[in-house]
Amino acid sequence: MIASLSLAMFFSPCLEVEAYFLAAGVENFWWTVLLSAIYFFVTLLGMVIWVTIAYHGLNKFNWHALEHKAGIIAGVTLIASGIISFFLN
């Protein structure tokens, strides 16, 4: 169980939680399940909170004016990326 947890957590993007899972894996299977459930709900709650904050912040922008200039923005972006890639190669 420790080897499978170590391998799974090594390839996980959240490496700092690995020690907690290893400690729970030594004790009991239900500690690992409890830790996984707590980690899941805390992560889910954090993501919902940050998306809500970002959504309310993005609603304050005037997106209608940006829609009318989408072609100009796309053109400038393509020209700039072409010039940058020319000089980087």
C-alpha atoms as a PDB file:
ATOM      1  CA  MET A   1       0.000   0.000   0.000  1.00  0.00           C
ATOM      2  CA  ILE A   2       2.843   2.386   0.817  1.00  0.00           C
ATOM      3  CA  ALA A   3       4.544   1.693  -2.504  1.00  0.00           C
ATOM      4  CA  SER A   4       1.363   2.323  -4.498  1.00  0.00           C
ATOM      5  CA  LEU A   5       0.649   5.540  -2.549  1.00  0.00           C
ATOM      6  CA  SER A   6       4.224   6.717  -3.033  1.00  0.00           C
ATOM      7  CA  LEU A   7       4.077   6.056  -6.767  1.00  0.00           C
ATOM      8  CA  ALA A   8       0.663   7.711  -7.172  1.00  0.00           C
ATOM      9  CA  MET A   9       1.607  10.765  -5.154  1.00  0.00           C
ATOM     10  CA  PHE A  10       4.983  11.104  -6.873  1.00  0.00           C
ATOM     11  CA  PHE A  11       3.206  11.660 -10.190  1.00  0.00           C
ATOM     12  CA  SER A  12       0.624  13.924  -8.574  1.00  0.00           C
ATOM     13  CA  PRO A  13       0.899  17.709  -8.998  1.00  0.00           C
ATOM     14  CA  CYS A  14       0.381  18.133  -5.253  1.00  0.00           C
ATOM     15  CA  LEU A  15       3.638  16.735  -3.948  1.00  0.00           C
ATOM     16  CA  GLU A  16       3.391  18.535  -0.589  1.00  0.00           C
ATOM     17  CA  VAL A  17       0.478  16.315   0.505  1.00  0.00           C
ATOM     18  CA  GLU A  18       2.454  13.121  -0.011  1.00  0.00           C
ATOM     19  CA  ALA A  19       3.727  12.984   3.573  1.00  0.00           C
ATOM     20  CA  TYR A  20       0.186  13.041   4.947  1.00  0.00           C
ATOM     21  CA  PHE A  21      -0.894  10.185   2.695  1.00  0.00           C
ATOM     22  CA  LEU A  22       2.176   8.142   3.603  1.00  0.00           C
ATOM     23  CA  ALA A  23       1.526   8.693   7.307  1.00  0.00           C
ATOM     24  CA  ALA A  24      -2.127   7.733   6.907  1.00  0.00           C
ATOM     25  CA  GLY A  25      -1.222   4.692   4.807  1.00  0.00           C
ATOM     26  CA  VAL A  26       0.926   3.259   7.587  1.00  0.00           C
ATOM     27  CA  GLU A  27      -1.837   3.559  10.182  1.00  0.00           C
ATOM     28  CA  ASN A  28      -5.009   2.216   8.643  1.00  0.00           C
ATOM     29  CA  PHE A  29      -6.901   2.026   5.371  1.00  0.00           C
ATOM     30  CA  TRP A  30      -9.721   4.177   6.755  1.00  0.00           C
ATOM     31  CA  TRP A  31      -7.300   6.973   7.664  1.00  0.00           C
ATOM     32  CA  THR A  32      -6.256   7.074   4.031  1.00  0.00           C
ATOM     33  CA  VAL A  33      -9.884   7.163   2.903  1.00  0.00           C
ATOM     34  CA  LEU A  34     -10.662   9.912   5.425  1.00  0.00           C
ATOM     35  CA  LEU A  35      -7.636  11.944   4.341  1.00  0.00           C
ATOM     36  CA  SER A  36      -8.600  11.504   0.687  1.00  0.00           C
ATOM     37  CA  ALA A  37     -12.152  12.678   1.390  1.00  0.00           C
ATOM     38  CA  ILE A  38     -10.951  15.723   3.347  1.00  0.00           C
ATOM     39  CA  TYR A  39      -8.430  16.572   0.637  1.00  0.00           C
ATOM     40  CA  PHE A  40     -11.099  16.208  -2.041  1.00  0.00           C
ATOM     41  CA  PHE A  41     -13.607  18.481  -0.311  1.00  0.00           C
ATOM     42  CA  VAL A  42     -11.046  21.137   0.629  1.00  0.00           C
ATOM     43  CA  THR A  43      -9.743  21.185  -2.953  1.00  0.00           C
ATOM     44  CA  LEU A  44     -13.260  21.350  -4.376  1.00  0.00           C
ATOM     45  CA  LEU A  45     -14.261  24.136  -2.001  1.00  0.00           C
ATOM     46  CA  GLY A  46     -11.123  26.124  -2.821  1.00  0.00           C
ATOM     47  CA  MET A  47     -11.690  25.782  -6.562  1.00  0.00           C
ATOM     48  CA  VAL A  48     -15.325  26.864  -6.283  1.00  0.00           C
ATOM     49  CA  ILE A  49     -14.376  29.890  -4.189  1.00  0.00           C
ATOM     50  CA  TRP A  50     -11.613  31.019  -6.585  1.00  0.00           C
ATOM     51  CA  VAL A  51     -13.785  30.524  -9.668  1.00  0.00           C
ATOM     52  CA  THR A  52     -16.570  32.543  -8.023  1.00  0.00           C
ATOM     53  CA  ILE A  53     -14.159  35.370  -7.188  1.00  0.00           C
ATOM     54  CA  ALA A  54     -12.732  35.339 -10.726  1.00  0.00           C
ATOM     55  CA  TYR A  55     -16.206  35.243 -12.286  1.00  0.00           C
ATOM     56  CA  HIS A  56     -17.378  38.278 -10.322  1.00  0.00           C
ATOM     57  CA  GLY A  57     -14.166  40.106 -11.147  1.00  0.00           C
ATOM     58  CA  LEU A  58     -14.427  39.357 -14.871  1.00  0.00           C
ATOM     59  CA  ASN A  59     -18.031  40.570 -14.974  1.00  0.00           C
ATOM     60  CA  LYS A  60     -16.773  44.072 -14.168  1.00  0.00           C
ATOM     61  CA  PHE A  61     -14.990  44.376 -17.545  1.00  0.00           C
ATOM     62  CA  ASN A  62     -16.640  45.849 -20.636  1.00  0.00           C
ATOM     63  CA  TRP A  63     -16.514  42.780 -22.890  1.00  0.00           C
ATOM     64  CA  HIS A  64     -18.855  44.290 -25.503  1.00  0.00           C
ATOM     65  CA  ALA A  65     -16.240  46.850 -26.556  1.00  0.00           C
ATOM     66  CA  LEU A  66     -13.644  44.094 -26.778  1.00  0.00           C
ATOM     67  CA  GLU A  67     -15.869  42.050 -29.111  1.00  0.00           C
ATOM     68  CA  HIS A  68     -15.843  44.830 -31.713  1.00  0.00           C
ATOM     69  CA  LYS A  69     -12.040  44.905 -31.721  1.00  0.00           C
ATOM     70  CA  ALA A  70     -11.530  41.132 -31.854  1.00  0.00           C
ATOM     71  CA  GLY A  71     -10.261  41.165 -35.433  1.00  0.00           C
ATOM     72  CA  ILE A  72      -7.696  43.864 -34.713  1.00  0.00           C
ATOM     73  CA  ILE A  73      -6.525  42.066 -31.568  1.00  0.00           C
ATOM     74  CA  ALA A  74      -6.188  38.748 -33.444  1.00  0.00           C
ATOM     75  CA  GLY A  75      -4.278  40.416 -36.267  1.00  0.00           C
ATOM     76  CA  VAL A  76      -1.867  42.219 -33.963  1.00  0.00           C
ATOM     77  CA  THR A  77      -1.312  38.991 -32.015  1.00  0.00           C
ATOM     78  CA  LEU A  78      -0.519  37.040 -35.200  1.00  0.00           C
ATOM     79  CA  ILE A  79       1.854  39.707 -36.488  1.00  0.00           C
ATOM     80  CA  ALA A  80       3.611  39.986 -33.106  1.00  0.00           C
ATOM     81  CA  SER A  81       4.008  36.214 -32.767  1.00  0.00           C
ATOM     82  CA  GLY A  82       5.361  36.032 -36.322  1.00  0.00           C
ATOM     83  CA  ILE A  83       7.938  38.738 -35.649  1.00  0.00           C
ATOM     84  CA  ILE A  84       8.971  37.160 -32.354  1.00  0.00           C
ATOM     85  CA  SER A  85       9.315  33.683 -33.863  1.00  0.00           C
ATOM     86  CA  PHE A  86      11.346  35.126 -36.761  1.00  0.00           C
ATOM     87  CA  PHE A  87      13.891  36.641 -34.408  1.00  0.00           C
ATOM     88  CA  LEU A  88      14.016  33.674 -32.017  1.00  0.00           C
ATOM     89  CA  ASN A  89      14.894  31.165 -34.722  1.00  0.00           C
END
